[in-house]
N, C-alpha and C. Protein backbone atom coordinates (compact mmCIF):
# COMPACT_ATOMS: atom_id res chain seq x y z
N UNK A 1 185.03 60.32 239.92
CA UNK A 1 185.40 60.92 241.25
C UNK A 1 184.50 61.69 242.03
N UNK A 2 183.19 62.11 241.63
CA UNK A 2 182.30 62.38 242.76
C UNK A 2 181.93 61.39 243.64
N UNK A 3 181.57 60.03 242.89
CA UNK A 3 181.38 58.82 243.92
C UNK A 3 182.26 58.74 244.91
N UNK A 4 183.62 58.79 244.58
CA UNK A 4 184.64 58.46 245.71
C UNK A 4 184.65 59.59 246.43
N UNK A 5 184.71 61.20 246.30
CA UNK A 5 184.32 62.05 246.93
C UNK A 5 183.09 61.58 247.92
N UNK A 6 182.07 61.17 247.64
CA UNK A 6 180.98 61.05 248.63
C UNK A 6 181.26 59.86 249.52
N UNK A 7 182.02 58.88 249.01
CA UNK A 7 182.29 57.81 249.73
C UNK A 7 183.32 58.37 251.00
N UNK A 8 184.04 59.02 250.63
CA UNK A 8 185.34 59.70 251.53
C UNK A 8 184.78 60.57 252.60
N UNK A 9 183.79 61.06 252.24
CA UNK A 9 182.97 62.02 253.31
C UNK A 9 182.36 61.15 254.11
N UNK A 10 181.69 59.93 253.65
CA UNK A 10 180.96 59.05 254.64
C UNK A 10 182.05 58.18 255.65
N UNK A 11 183.38 58.25 255.40
CA UNK A 11 184.19 57.21 256.11
C UNK A 11 184.48 57.95 257.51
N UNK A 12 184.47 57.07 258.65
CA UNK A 12 184.58 57.40 259.95
C UNK A 12 185.63 56.68 260.48
N UNK A 13 185.96 55.65 259.95
CA UNK A 13 187.09 54.89 260.31
C UNK A 13 188.13 54.29 258.97
N UNK A 14 189.31 54.59 259.25
CA UNK A 14 190.08 54.20 258.36
C UNK A 14 191.20 53.12 258.66
N UNK A 15 190.83 51.83 258.32
CA UNK A 15 191.68 50.60 258.70
C UNK A 15 192.83 50.64 257.27
N UNK A 16 193.91 50.17 258.03
CA UNK A 16 195.30 49.72 257.23
C UNK A 16 195.65 48.73 257.46
N UNK A 17 196.08 47.81 256.63
CA UNK A 17 197.30 46.88 256.28
C UNK A 17 198.57 47.49 256.47
N UNK A 18 199.59 46.82 257.09
CA UNK A 18 201.02 47.54 257.37
C UNK A 18 201.95 47.00 256.53
N UNK A 19 202.51 45.77 256.24
CA UNK A 19 203.56 45.43 255.23
C UNK A 19 202.99 45.69 253.69
N UNK A 20 203.47 46.68 253.00
CA UNK A 20 203.16 47.29 251.88
C UNK A 20 202.36 48.06 251.91
N UNK A 21 201.84 48.67 252.98
CA UNK A 21 200.89 49.96 252.97
C UNK A 21 201.52 50.95 253.94
N UNK A 22 201.77 50.53 255.15
CA UNK A 22 202.52 51.67 256.00
C UNK A 22 203.86 51.48 255.90
N UNK A 23 204.69 50.43 255.32
CA UNK A 23 205.77 50.13 254.85
C UNK A 23 206.09 49.83 253.57
N UNK A 24 207.21 49.96 252.84
CA UNK A 24 207.53 49.32 251.41
C UNK A 24 207.00 47.78 251.40
N UNK A 25 207.14 47.10 252.60
CA UNK A 25 206.51 45.62 252.26
C UNK A 25 207.95 44.86 252.67
N UNK A 26 209.17 45.26 252.70
CA UNK A 26 210.16 44.69 253.03
C UNK A 26 210.36 44.36 254.29
N UNK A 27 210.91 43.18 254.62
CA UNK A 27 211.10 42.72 256.12
C UNK A 27 212.76 42.84 256.27
N UNK A 28 213.23 43.43 257.41
CA UNK A 28 214.50 43.66 257.31
C UNK A 28 214.75 42.98 258.72
N UNK A 29 215.66 42.01 259.12
CA UNK A 29 216.36 41.16 260.17
C UNK A 29 217.69 41.82 260.43
N UNK A 30 217.80 42.23 261.71
CA UNK A 30 219.34 42.18 262.06
C UNK A 30 220.09 40.82 262.28
N UNK A 31 221.21 40.84 262.94
CA UNK A 31 221.98 39.64 263.08
C UNK A 31 221.46 38.96 264.03
N UNK A 32 220.78 39.81 265.29
CA UNK A 32 220.20 38.86 266.20
C UNK A 32 218.83 38.30 266.09
N UNK A 33 218.52 38.91 264.91
CA UNK A 33 217.06 38.17 264.53
C UNK A 33 216.01 39.29 264.81
N UNK A 34 216.41 40.38 265.23
CA UNK A 34 215.17 41.36 265.42
C UNK A 34 214.83 41.87 264.13
N UNK A 35 213.37 42.28 264.07
CA UNK A 35 212.82 42.73 262.80
C UNK A 35 212.51 44.06 262.87
N UNK A 36 213.16 44.93 261.76
CA UNK A 36 213.19 46.25 261.54
C UNK A 36 212.08 46.54 260.73
N UNK A 37 211.17 47.78 261.22
CA UNK A 37 210.38 48.38 259.99
C UNK A 37 210.69 49.96 259.92
N UNK A 38 210.62 50.16 258.41
CA UNK A 38 210.68 51.60 258.47
C UNK A 38 209.12 52.26 257.92
N UNK A 39 208.88 53.22 258.68
CA UNK A 39 207.49 54.26 258.62
C UNK A 39 207.64 55.44 258.08
N UNK A 40 206.89 55.92 257.16
CA UNK A 40 207.16 57.34 256.77
C UNK A 40 206.64 58.29 257.70
N UNK A 41 207.44 59.37 257.95
CA UNK A 41 206.85 60.27 258.87
C UNK A 41 205.73 61.08 258.24
N UNK A 42 205.88 61.21 256.88
CA UNK A 42 204.41 62.15 256.31
C UNK A 42 203.03 61.29 256.32
N UNK A 43 203.45 60.03 256.27
CA UNK A 43 202.08 59.05 256.27
C UNK A 43 201.62 59.24 257.99
N UNK A 44 202.60 59.42 259.01
CA UNK A 44 202.28 59.39 260.42
C UNK A 44 201.55 60.63 260.69
N UNK A 45 202.06 61.81 260.18
CA UNK A 45 201.53 63.30 260.13
C UNK A 45 199.83 63.06 259.49
N UNK A 46 199.93 62.76 258.27
CA UNK A 46 198.81 62.47 257.75
C UNK A 46 197.36 61.85 258.62
N UNK A 47 198.02 60.62 259.36
CA UNK A 47 197.12 60.02 260.24
C UNK A 47 196.75 60.91 261.63
N UNK A 48 197.70 61.41 262.05
CA UNK A 48 197.52 62.24 263.09
C UNK A 48 196.22 63.23 262.60
N UNK A 49 196.50 64.07 261.42
CA UNK A 49 195.53 65.13 261.15
C UNK A 49 194.30 64.33 260.87
N UNK A 50 193.89 63.11 260.56
CA UNK A 50 192.64 62.81 260.30
C UNK A 50 192.09 62.42 261.35
N UNK A 51 193.08 61.99 262.65
CA UNK A 51 192.26 61.86 263.83
C UNK A 51 191.95 63.02 264.35
N UNK A 52 192.63 63.89 264.18
CA UNK A 52 192.43 65.37 264.71
C UNK A 52 191.13 65.73 263.99
N UNK A 53 190.66 65.32 262.82
CA UNK A 53 189.36 65.64 262.25
C UNK A 53 188.51 64.98 262.71
N UNK A 54 188.65 64.07 263.47
CA UNK A 54 187.38 63.38 264.01
C UNK A 54 187.35 62.00 263.44
N UNK A 55 188.35 61.39 262.61
CA UNK A 55 188.43 59.97 262.23
C UNK A 55 188.93 59.16 263.12
N UNK A 56 188.47 57.96 263.01
CA UNK A 56 189.36 56.84 263.85
C UNK A 56 190.21 56.18 262.94
N UNK A 57 191.31 55.56 263.37
CA UNK A 57 192.17 54.85 262.40
C UNK A 57 192.53 53.52 263.22
N UNK A 58 192.53 52.45 262.54
CA UNK A 58 192.87 51.13 262.94
C UNK A 58 193.68 50.42 262.12
N UNK A 59 194.48 49.26 262.51
CA UNK A 59 195.22 48.39 261.99
C UNK A 59 194.69 46.94 262.03
N UNK A 60 194.80 46.34 260.63
CA UNK A 60 194.28 45.18 260.69
C UNK A 60 195.49 44.36 259.73
N UNK A 61 196.18 43.40 260.20
CA UNK A 61 197.58 43.25 259.64
C UNK A 61 197.92 41.52 260.00
N UNK A 62 198.15 40.82 259.21
CA UNK A 62 198.43 39.36 259.21
C UNK A 62 199.73 39.27 259.87
N UNK A 63 200.69 40.23 260.16
CA UNK A 63 201.97 39.86 260.84
C UNK A 63 201.99 40.75 262.23
N UNK A 64 202.62 40.40 263.12
CA UNK A 64 202.84 41.19 264.60
C UNK A 64 204.12 41.51 264.75
N UNK A 65 204.33 42.61 265.09
CA UNK A 65 205.87 43.28 265.45
C UNK A 65 205.86 44.21 266.54
N UNK A 66 206.98 44.15 267.36
CA UNK A 66 207.00 45.38 268.44
C UNK A 66 207.12 46.69 267.73
N UNK A 67 207.92 46.67 266.48
CA UNK A 67 207.96 48.04 265.90
C UNK A 67 206.71 48.61 265.60
N UNK A 68 205.82 47.77 264.98
CA UNK A 68 204.49 48.29 264.85
C UNK A 68 203.72 48.48 265.90
N UNK A 69 203.76 47.87 267.17
CA UNK A 69 203.16 48.38 268.41
C UNK A 69 203.73 49.77 268.83
N UNK A 70 205.13 49.88 268.79
CA UNK A 70 205.77 51.15 269.10
C UNK A 70 205.14 52.36 268.26
N UNK A 71 204.98 52.00 266.78
CA UNK A 71 204.58 52.95 265.90
C UNK A 71 203.11 53.57 266.29
N UNK A 72 202.34 52.51 266.58
CA UNK A 72 200.97 52.61 266.93
C UNK A 72 200.46 53.62 267.93
N UNK A 73 201.63 53.04 269.20
CA UNK A 73 201.43 54.01 270.40
C UNK A 73 201.81 55.36 270.30
N UNK A 74 203.10 55.59 269.32
CA UNK A 74 203.43 56.87 269.08
C UNK A 74 202.25 57.81 268.50
N UNK A 75 201.72 57.41 267.61
CA UNK A 75 200.63 57.79 266.82
C UNK A 75 199.39 58.17 267.40
N UNK A 76 199.16 57.21 268.73
CA UNK A 76 197.66 57.24 269.14
C UNK A 76 196.76 56.16 268.72
N UNK A 77 197.34 55.32 268.01
CA UNK A 77 195.97 54.31 267.40
C UNK A 77 196.10 53.28 268.50
N UNK A 78 195.04 52.76 268.97
CA UNK A 78 194.98 51.98 269.73
C UNK A 78 194.08 50.73 269.10
N UNK A 79 193.49 50.86 268.15
CA UNK A 79 192.62 49.81 267.58
C UNK A 79 193.77 49.11 266.38
N UNK A 80 194.44 47.96 267.04
CA UNK A 80 195.28 47.17 266.57
C UNK A 80 194.94 45.67 266.60
N UNK A 81 194.84 45.16 265.45
CA UNK A 81 194.38 43.70 265.37
C UNK A 81 195.73 43.24 264.35
N UNK A 82 196.59 42.40 265.30
CA UNK A 82 197.85 42.00 264.35
C UNK A 82 197.75 40.50 264.52
N UNK A 83 198.59 39.38 263.80
CA UNK A 83 198.59 38.31 263.51
C UNK A 83 197.15 37.83 263.08
N UNK A 84 196.42 38.60 262.31
CA UNK A 84 195.19 38.21 261.82
C UNK A 84 195.21 37.31 260.62
N UNK A 85 194.77 36.28 260.38
CA UNK A 85 194.80 35.41 259.29
C UNK A 85 193.47 35.61 258.08
N UNK A 86 192.36 35.93 258.77
CA UNK A 86 191.28 36.17 258.24
C UNK A 86 190.83 37.56 258.33
N UNK A 87 191.26 38.51 257.76
CA UNK A 87 191.13 40.15 258.16
C UNK A 87 189.56 40.20 258.04
N UNK A 88 188.85 39.72 257.05
CA UNK A 88 187.36 39.87 256.86
C UNK A 88 186.79 39.62 258.40
N UNK A 89 187.10 38.20 258.81
CA UNK A 89 186.54 38.01 260.03
C UNK A 89 186.37 39.10 261.14
N UNK A 90 187.37 39.88 261.28
CA UNK A 90 187.49 40.67 262.11
C UNK A 90 186.46 41.88 262.03
N UNK A 91 185.64 42.14 261.00
CA UNK A 91 185.04 43.04 260.67
C UNK A 91 183.86 43.37 261.90
N UNK A 92 183.12 42.38 262.32
CA UNK A 92 182.36 42.29 263.23
C UNK A 92 182.54 42.99 264.75
N UNK A 93 183.69 42.54 264.87
CA UNK A 93 184.70 42.84 266.18
C UNK A 93 184.86 44.32 265.92
N UNK A 94 185.61 44.71 264.98
CA UNK A 94 185.77 46.05 264.73
C UNK A 94 184.59 47.00 264.82
N UNK A 95 183.57 46.69 264.16
CA UNK A 95 182.20 47.24 264.39
C UNK A 95 181.55 47.52 265.67
N UNK A 96 181.99 46.38 266.36
CA UNK A 96 181.33 46.35 268.02
C UNK A 96 182.14 47.23 268.85
N UNK A 97 183.38 47.28 268.61
CA UNK A 97 184.34 48.24 269.33
C UNK A 97 184.20 49.33 268.97
N UNK A 98 184.02 49.98 267.87
CA UNK A 98 183.85 51.66 267.66
C UNK A 98 182.68 51.80 267.54
N UNK A 99 181.34 51.13 267.27
CA UNK A 99 180.17 51.56 266.77
C UNK A 99 179.98 52.06 265.49
N UNK A 100 181.00 51.87 264.64
CA UNK A 100 180.92 51.94 263.26
C UNK A 100 180.60 50.77 262.41
N UNK A 101 179.45 51.05 261.88
CA UNK A 101 178.95 50.00 260.45
C UNK A 101 180.08 50.05 259.38
N UNK A 102 180.29 49.02 258.55
CA UNK A 102 181.19 48.46 257.52
C UNK A 102 181.13 49.96 256.40
N UNK A 103 179.81 50.01 256.09
CA UNK A 103 180.08 50.81 254.92
C UNK A 103 180.61 52.62 255.31
N UNK A 104 180.83 52.84 256.68
CA UNK A 104 181.61 53.84 257.06
C UNK A 104 182.86 53.42 257.36
N UNK A 105 183.44 52.58 256.84
CA UNK A 105 184.57 52.09 256.87
C UNK A 105 185.25 52.17 255.72
N UNK A 106 186.53 52.35 255.48
CA UNK A 106 187.70 52.14 254.67
C UNK A 106 188.57 51.22 255.05
N UNK A 107 189.36 50.64 254.03
CA UNK A 107 190.58 49.86 254.05
C UNK A 107 191.49 49.79 253.27
N UNK A 108 192.79 49.72 253.57
CA UNK A 108 193.73 50.27 252.67
C UNK A 108 194.67 48.83 252.68
N UNK A 109 194.62 48.11 251.21
CA UNK A 109 195.39 47.08 251.39
C UNK A 109 196.37 46.96 250.14
N UNK A 110 197.20 45.93 249.99
CA UNK A 110 198.35 45.81 248.89
C UNK A 110 198.34 44.27 248.30
N UNK A 111 197.71 43.35 249.15
CA UNK A 111 198.20 41.83 248.80
C UNK A 111 196.65 41.29 248.83
N UNK A 112 196.65 40.00 248.44
CA UNK A 112 195.62 38.96 248.31
C UNK A 112 194.79 38.97 249.69
N UNK A 113 195.35 38.62 250.91
CA UNK A 113 194.64 38.54 252.02
C UNK A 113 193.96 39.75 252.16
N UNK A 114 194.33 41.04 251.63
CA UNK A 114 193.42 42.06 251.85
C UNK A 114 192.17 42.34 251.15
N UNK A 115 191.93 41.31 250.27
CA UNK A 115 190.82 41.84 249.13
C UNK A 115 189.39 41.15 250.04
N UNK A 116 189.37 40.18 250.78
CA UNK A 116 187.84 40.12 251.44
C UNK A 116 187.43 40.98 252.46
N UNK A 117 188.34 41.70 253.12
CA UNK A 117 187.91 42.93 253.95
C UNK A 117 187.95 44.13 253.24
N UNK A 118 188.64 44.55 251.99
CA UNK A 118 188.42 45.40 251.00
C UNK A 118 186.70 45.71 250.48
N UNK A 119 186.37 44.43 250.32
CA UNK A 119 185.25 44.19 249.49
C UNK A 119 183.96 44.26 250.63
N UNK A 120 184.31 44.27 251.93
CA UNK A 120 183.25 44.24 252.93
C UNK A 120 182.96 45.59 253.47
N UNK A 121 183.95 46.64 253.14
CA UNK A 121 183.89 47.90 253.99
C UNK A 121 183.50 49.06 252.74
N UNK A 122 183.14 50.00 253.19
CA UNK A 122 182.41 51.01 252.35
C UNK A 122 183.50 51.48 251.32
N UNK A 123 184.58 51.62 251.51
CA UNK A 123 185.70 51.88 250.47
C UNK A 123 186.94 51.15 250.53
N UNK A 124 187.20 50.55 249.60
CA UNK A 124 188.33 49.44 249.60
C UNK A 124 189.41 50.37 248.58
N UNK A 125 190.50 50.40 249.32
CA UNK A 125 191.85 51.29 248.82
C UNK A 125 192.89 50.57 248.47
N UNK A 126 193.58 50.67 247.17
CA UNK A 126 194.73 49.82 247.04
C UNK A 126 195.74 50.71 246.79
N UNK A 127 197.06 50.51 247.45
CA UNK A 127 198.22 51.41 247.05
C UNK A 127 198.60 51.02 245.68
N UNK A 128 199.52 51.96 245.23
CA UNK A 128 199.78 52.09 243.75
C UNK A 128 200.70 50.81 243.50
N UNK A 129 201.21 50.21 244.30
CA UNK A 129 202.16 49.12 243.78
C UNK A 129 201.46 47.61 244.46
N UNK A 130 200.25 47.85 244.68
CA UNK A 130 199.74 46.51 245.22
C UNK A 130 199.57 45.30 244.08
N UNK A 131 199.16 44.30 244.22
CA UNK A 131 199.35 43.32 243.38
C UNK A 131 198.21 43.47 242.44
N UNK A 132 197.75 43.22 241.00
CA UNK A 132 196.72 43.47 240.40
C UNK A 132 195.59 43.17 240.67
N UNK A 133 195.33 42.10 241.35
CA UNK A 133 194.08 41.66 241.79
C UNK A 133 193.52 42.45 242.93
N UNK A 134 194.34 42.96 243.68
CA UNK A 134 194.00 44.14 244.71
C UNK A 134 193.44 45.25 244.20
N UNK A 135 194.27 45.75 243.08
CA UNK A 135 193.96 47.02 242.43
C UNK A 135 192.56 46.69 241.90
N UNK A 136 192.51 45.76 241.09
CA UNK A 136 191.15 45.46 240.35
C UNK A 136 189.96 45.43 241.45
N UNK A 137 189.99 44.79 242.81
CA UNK A 137 189.05 44.88 243.58
C UNK A 137 188.76 46.35 244.36
N UNK A 138 189.59 47.19 244.23
CA UNK A 138 189.51 48.75 244.84
C UNK A 138 188.51 49.49 244.26
N UNK A 139 188.22 50.20 245.08
CA UNK A 139 187.08 51.33 244.67
C UNK A 139 188.30 52.75 244.61
N UNK A 140 189.43 52.67 245.04
CA UNK A 140 190.07 53.67 244.72
C UNK A 140 191.83 53.27 244.94
N UNK A 141 192.44 53.68 244.07
CA UNK A 141 194.13 53.64 243.91
C UNK A 141 194.66 54.73 244.12
N UNK A 142 195.67 54.66 245.11
CA UNK A 142 196.77 55.79 245.43
C UNK A 142 197.73 55.66 243.94
N UNK A 143 198.06 56.87 243.91
CA UNK A 143 199.28 57.35 243.24
C UNK A 143 200.56 56.87 243.63
N UNK A 144 201.04 57.00 245.02
CA UNK A 144 201.79 56.59 245.63
C UNK A 144 201.99 55.20 245.97
N UNK A 145 203.06 54.83 246.03
CA UNK A 145 203.38 53.26 246.35
C UNK A 145 203.40 53.30 248.10
N UNK A 146 203.33 52.03 248.61
CA UNK A 146 202.90 51.55 249.86
C UNK A 146 204.51 52.07 250.54
N UNK A 147 204.25 52.79 251.59
CA UNK A 147 205.47 53.00 252.65
C UNK A 147 205.96 54.21 252.23
N UNK A 148 205.34 54.84 250.70
CA UNK A 148 206.16 55.90 250.15
C UNK A 148 205.28 57.21 250.05
N UNK A 149 204.22 57.22 251.04
CA UNK A 149 203.28 58.58 251.11
C UNK A 149 201.75 58.09 250.75
N UNK A 150 201.40 56.70 250.13
CA UNK A 150 200.22 56.21 249.99
C UNK A 150 199.43 56.96 250.89
N UNK A 151 199.69 56.31 252.44
CA UNK A 151 198.85 56.64 253.51
C UNK A 151 198.39 58.27 253.61
N UNK A 152 199.47 59.07 253.43
CA UNK A 152 199.42 60.46 253.46
C UNK A 152 198.40 61.10 252.35
N UNK A 153 198.44 60.15 251.30
CA UNK A 153 197.69 60.97 250.09
C UNK A 153 196.11 60.37 250.31
N UNK A 154 195.96 59.35 250.91
CA UNK A 154 194.61 58.77 251.31
C UNK A 154 194.18 59.99 252.56
N UNK A 155 194.79 60.29 253.58
CA UNK A 155 194.63 61.02 254.78
C UNK A 155 194.49 62.57 254.21
N UNK A 156 194.97 62.99 252.89
CA UNK A 156 194.64 64.33 252.41
C UNK A 156 193.37 64.31 251.73
N UNK A 157 193.08 62.85 251.20
CA UNK A 157 191.92 63.28 250.35
C UNK A 157 190.56 63.03 251.35
N UNK A 158 190.87 62.40 252.47
CA UNK A 158 189.71 62.32 253.45
C UNK A 158 189.42 63.74 253.80
N UNK A 159 190.80 64.35 254.23
CA UNK A 159 190.48 65.79 255.07
C UNK A 159 190.05 66.61 253.75
N UNK A 160 190.48 66.71 252.75
CA UNK A 160 189.74 67.81 251.49
C UNK A 160 188.20 67.19 251.36
N UNK A 161 187.94 66.01 251.54
CA UNK A 161 186.45 65.52 251.17
C UNK A 161 185.72 66.11 252.35
N UNK A 162 186.10 66.05 253.41
CA UNK A 162 185.47 66.83 254.63
C UNK A 162 185.69 68.03 255.20
N UNK A 163 186.23 68.80 254.03
CA UNK A 163 186.59 70.22 254.24
C UNK A 163 187.26 70.57 255.64
N UNK A 164 188.20 69.74 255.85
CA UNK A 164 189.02 69.74 256.97
C UNK A 164 190.63 70.33 256.59
N UNK A 165 190.77 70.32 255.18
CA UNK A 165 192.15 70.66 254.72
C UNK A 165 192.49 72.13 254.66
N UNK A 166 191.74 72.89 254.53
CA UNK A 166 192.21 74.31 254.82
C UNK A 166 192.46 74.55 256.09
N UNK A 167 191.53 74.21 256.98
CA UNK A 167 191.99 74.57 258.25
C UNK A 167 193.12 73.90 258.99
N UNK A 168 193.72 72.96 258.37
CA UNK A 168 195.09 72.48 258.69
C UNK A 168 196.03 72.91 257.93
N UNK A 169 195.88 73.33 256.59
CA UNK A 169 196.71 74.29 256.13
C UNK A 169 196.91 75.66 257.07
N UNK A 170 195.84 76.53 257.35
CA UNK A 170 196.18 77.56 258.15
C UNK A 170 196.79 77.22 259.41
N UNK A 171 196.63 76.15 260.36
CA UNK A 171 197.07 75.79 261.38
C UNK A 171 198.87 75.73 261.40
N UNK A 172 199.22 75.33 260.03
CA UNK A 172 200.44 75.63 259.81
C UNK A 172 201.29 76.50 259.02
N UNK A 173 200.43 77.38 258.88
CA UNK A 173 200.93 78.84 258.08
C UNK A 173 201.46 79.94 259.44
């Protein structure tokens, strides 16, 4: 656990997959063909809190959707890479845009396309219901499932490791 805490303290950029991490992984379509995604408000607050604590947050996902772009705009996340086939190949561009090196990045994933990027950043994180291969590749695994508080759990761990949690609690007291 001490090694994980040290890794959490060094993180400057939290990168997230979307389907299966920020959502439960279900894809829902309306009769007209519009895709609908459901996001956890608790995850959203967690992301805002880590951004308030000075961390950057970004998205690296294989799919694209208007719902995702609306959610990111709502949360103030402007580092969004969608429709990405090779997530690890985006690492240099992300580093150039943010000025943050890979060892100071964390990536949260749930399925096979996430493994290469997880292995290149400082902290690879799997959600509890990730496929076994992702869990095996992860440095950290959440107790919560994707779309059900896993991102909030990660955000709280980051805040606690950086000693930002108590000030957050005081803010809401």
